[in-house]
Amino acid sequence: MQIHLNGDNHDCADGTTLAALITTLELSGKRIAVELNGEIAPRSQHDSIALKENDRVEIVHAIGGG
């Protein structure tokens, strides 16, 4: 299935969850925020949110500095 990940097409298996996508992208444990179809997806729900064809996912990294 195809989703839109940070503006680019991305292939993933049917039923992939946000948590599985984050793991595949090697972002587990990192300080990130995830938006799904224009709405913030709470980290506590990443395991239960299954992606669907043409979903739009935006993942941003929190970067600290000073």
N, C-alpha and C. Protein backbone atom coordinates (compact mmCIF):
# COMPACT_ATOMS: atom_id res chain seq x y z
N MET A 1 0.85 -1.17 0.00
CA MET A 1 0.00 0.00 0.00
C MET A 1 0.90 1.23 0.00
N GLN A 2 0.39 2.31 -0.52
CA GLN A 2 1.14 3.58 -0.59
C GLN A 2 0.57 4.57 0.42
N ILE A 3 1.50 5.20 1.14
CA ILE A 3 1.14 6.34 1.98
C ILE A 3 2.02 7.51 1.53
N HIS A 4 1.73 8.67 2.05
CA HIS A 4 2.55 9.86 1.79
C HIS A 4 3.30 10.16 3.09
N LEU A 5 4.61 10.02 3.06
CA LEU A 5 5.44 10.20 4.24
C LEU A 5 6.33 11.42 4.04
N ASN A 6 6.07 12.44 4.83
CA ASN A 6 6.82 13.70 4.72
C ASN A 6 6.89 14.20 3.27
N GLY A 7 5.74 14.09 2.58
CA GLY A 7 5.63 14.62 1.23
C GLY A 7 6.04 13.69 0.12
N ASP A 8 6.59 12.52 0.45
CA ASP A 8 7.01 11.55 -0.57
C ASP A 8 6.17 10.29 -0.48
N ASN A 9 6.02 9.60 -1.61
CA ASN A 9 5.33 8.31 -1.59
C ASN A 9 6.19 7.30 -0.86
N HIS A 10 5.53 6.43 -0.11
CA HIS A 10 6.23 5.41 0.68
C HIS A 10 5.40 4.14 0.66
N ASP A 11 6.04 3.01 0.36
CA ASP A 11 5.35 1.72 0.38
C ASP A 11 5.41 1.12 1.76
N CYS A 12 4.30 0.52 2.19
CA CYS A 12 4.29 -0.25 3.42
C CYS A 12 3.22 -1.32 3.31
N ALA A 13 3.33 -2.32 4.16
CA ALA A 13 2.39 -3.45 4.13
C ALA A 13 1.02 -3.02 4.64
N ASP A 14 -0.02 -3.68 4.14
CA ASP A 14 -1.37 -3.44 4.64
C ASP A 14 -1.39 -3.71 6.14
N GLY A 15 -2.07 -2.86 6.89
CA GLY A 15 -2.21 -3.04 8.32
C GLY A 15 -1.03 -2.53 9.14
N THR A 16 -0.06 -1.89 8.50
CA THR A 16 1.07 -1.33 9.23
C THR A 16 0.57 -0.28 10.21
N THR A 17 1.05 -0.36 11.44
CA THR A 17 0.68 0.64 12.44
C THR A 17 1.70 1.77 12.43
N LEU A 18 1.34 2.87 13.04
CA LEU A 18 2.30 3.97 13.17
C LEU A 18 3.55 3.50 13.92
N ALA A 19 3.37 2.69 14.96
CA ALA A 19 4.51 2.20 15.73
C ALA A 19 5.44 1.36 14.84
N ALA A 20 4.87 0.51 13.98
CA ALA A 20 5.68 -0.32 13.09
C ALA A 20 6.42 0.56 12.07
N LEU A 21 5.75 1.57 11.56
CA LEU A 21 6.39 2.48 10.61
C LEU A 21 7.57 3.19 11.28
N ILE A 22 7.37 3.66 12.49
CA ILE A 22 8.43 4.35 13.23
C ILE A 22 9.62 3.42 13.46
N THR A 23 9.34 2.16 13.79
CA THR A 23 10.40 1.17 13.97
C THR A 23 11.15 0.94 12.67
N THR A 24 10.41 0.78 11.58
CA THR A 24 11.02 0.55 10.26
C THR A 24 11.93 1.71 9.87
N LEU A 25 11.55 2.90 10.24
CA LEU A 25 12.34 4.09 9.90
C LEU A 25 13.48 4.33 10.90
N GLU A 26 13.64 3.40 11.85
CA GLU A 26 14.68 3.49 12.88
C GLU A 26 14.57 4.76 13.72
N LEU A 27 13.32 5.11 14.05
CA LEU A 27 13.07 6.31 14.85
C LEU A 27 12.56 5.98 16.26
N SER A 28 12.50 4.69 16.60
CA SER A 28 12.02 4.29 17.93
C SER A 28 12.91 4.91 19.00
N GLY A 29 12.28 5.44 20.02
CA GLY A 29 13.01 6.02 21.14
C GLY A 29 13.51 7.43 20.89
N LYS A 30 13.32 7.94 19.69
CA LYS A 30 13.76 9.30 19.38
C LYS A 30 12.65 10.29 19.74
N ARG A 31 13.02 11.54 19.90
CA ARG A 31 12.04 12.59 20.21
C ARG A 31 11.42 13.05 18.90
N ILE A 32 10.25 12.51 18.60
CA ILE A 32 9.56 12.83 17.35
C ILE A 32 8.11 13.19 17.66
N ALA A 33 7.50 13.87 16.70
CA ALA A 33 6.06 14.11 16.72
C ALA A 33 5.51 13.56 15.41
N VAL A 34 4.34 12.96 15.48
CA VAL A 34 3.73 12.35 14.30
C VAL A 34 2.37 12.98 14.05
N GLU A 35 2.18 13.39 12.81
CA GLU A 35 0.89 13.92 12.37
C GLU A 35 0.33 12.96 11.33
N LEU A 36 -0.93 12.59 11.49
CA LEU A 36 -1.61 11.70 10.56
C LEU A 36 -2.82 12.42 9.99
N ASN A 37 -2.77 12.66 8.69
CA ASN A 37 -3.87 13.34 8.00
C ASN A 37 -4.26 14.66 8.67
N GLY A 38 -3.24 15.41 9.06
CA GLY A 38 -3.47 16.74 9.61
C GLY A 38 -3.75 16.80 11.10
N GLU A 39 -3.74 15.65 11.78
CA GLU A 39 -4.01 15.60 13.22
C GLU A 39 -2.82 14.99 13.93
N ILE A 40 -2.45 15.54 15.08
CA ILE A 40 -1.37 14.96 15.88
C ILE A 40 -1.81 13.58 16.36
N ALA A 41 -0.93 12.60 16.19
CA ALA A 41 -1.20 11.23 16.66
C ALA A 41 -0.46 11.04 17.98
N PRO A 42 -1.18 10.94 19.10
CA PRO A 42 -0.52 10.78 20.40
C PRO A 42 0.33 9.51 20.44
N ARG A 43 1.51 9.63 21.03
CA ARG A 43 2.42 8.49 21.13
C ARG A 43 1.73 7.27 21.76
N SER A 44 0.85 7.50 22.71
CA SER A 44 0.16 6.40 23.39
C SER A 44 -0.75 5.60 22.46
N GLN A 45 -1.05 6.14 21.28
CA GLN A 45 -1.94 5.47 20.33
C GLN A 45 -1.21 4.91 19.11
N HIS A 46 0.09 5.10 19.02
CA HIS A 46 0.84 4.64 17.83
C HIS A 46 0.67 3.15 17.58
N ASP A 47 0.59 2.33 18.64
CA ASP A 47 0.42 0.88 18.47
C ASP A 47 -0.94 0.51 17.91
N SER A 48 -1.94 1.34 18.14
CA SER A 48 -3.30 0.98 17.75
C SER A 48 -3.78 1.66 16.47
N ILE A 49 -2.99 2.56 15.92
CA ILE A 49 -3.41 3.26 14.70
C ILE A 49 -2.84 2.54 13.49
N ALA A 50 -3.73 1.91 12.72
CA ALA A 50 -3.32 1.23 11.49
C ALA A 50 -3.42 2.20 10.32
N LEU A 51 -2.39 2.24 9.51
CA LEU A 51 -2.38 3.12 8.35
C LEU A 51 -3.25 2.57 7.24
N LYS A 52 -3.77 3.48 6.43
CA LYS A 52 -4.62 3.12 5.29
C LYS A 52 -4.02 3.72 4.02
N GLU A 53 -4.40 3.17 2.90
CA GLU A 53 -3.95 3.67 1.59
C GLU A 53 -4.12 5.18 1.52
N ASN A 54 -3.07 5.86 1.05
CA ASN A 54 -3.05 7.31 0.83
C ASN A 54 -3.07 8.16 2.09
N ASP A 55 -2.89 7.54 3.26
CA ASP A 55 -2.75 8.35 4.48
C ASP A 55 -1.56 9.29 4.31
N ARG A 56 -1.65 10.43 4.95
CA ARG A 56 -0.56 11.41 4.93
C ARG A 56 0.06 11.45 6.32
N VAL A 57 1.32 11.07 6.38
CA VAL A 57 2.05 11.01 7.64
C VAL A 57 3.19 12.01 7.59
N GLU A 58 3.28 12.85 8.60
CA GLU A 58 4.40 13.77 8.75
C GLU A 58 5.09 13.44 10.05
N ILE A 59 6.39 13.23 10.00
CA ILE A 59 7.17 12.94 11.19
C ILE A 59 8.24 14.02 11.32
N VAL A 60 8.25 14.67 12.47
CA VAL A 60 9.26 15.71 12.70
C VAL A 60 10.07 15.33 13.92
N HIS A 61 11.36 15.68 13.88
CA HIS A 61 12.29 15.41 14.96
C HIS A 61 12.40 16.64 15.85
N ALA A 62 12.39 16.41 17.14
CA ALA A 62 12.63 17.50 18.09
C ALA A 62 14.13 17.68 18.21
N ILE A 63 14.61 18.87 17.96
CA ILE A 63 16.04 19.16 18.02
C ILE A 63 16.27 20.22 19.09
N GLY A 64 17.12 19.89 20.03
CA GLY A 64 17.44 20.83 21.10
C GLY A 64 18.69 21.61 20.75
N GLY A 65 18.86 22.70 21.37
CA GLY A 65 20.04 23.50 21.14
C GLY A 65 20.02 24.73 22.03
N GLY A 66 21.05 25.46 21.93
CA GLY A 66 21.05 26.62 22.79
C GLY A 66 22.04 27.66 22.40
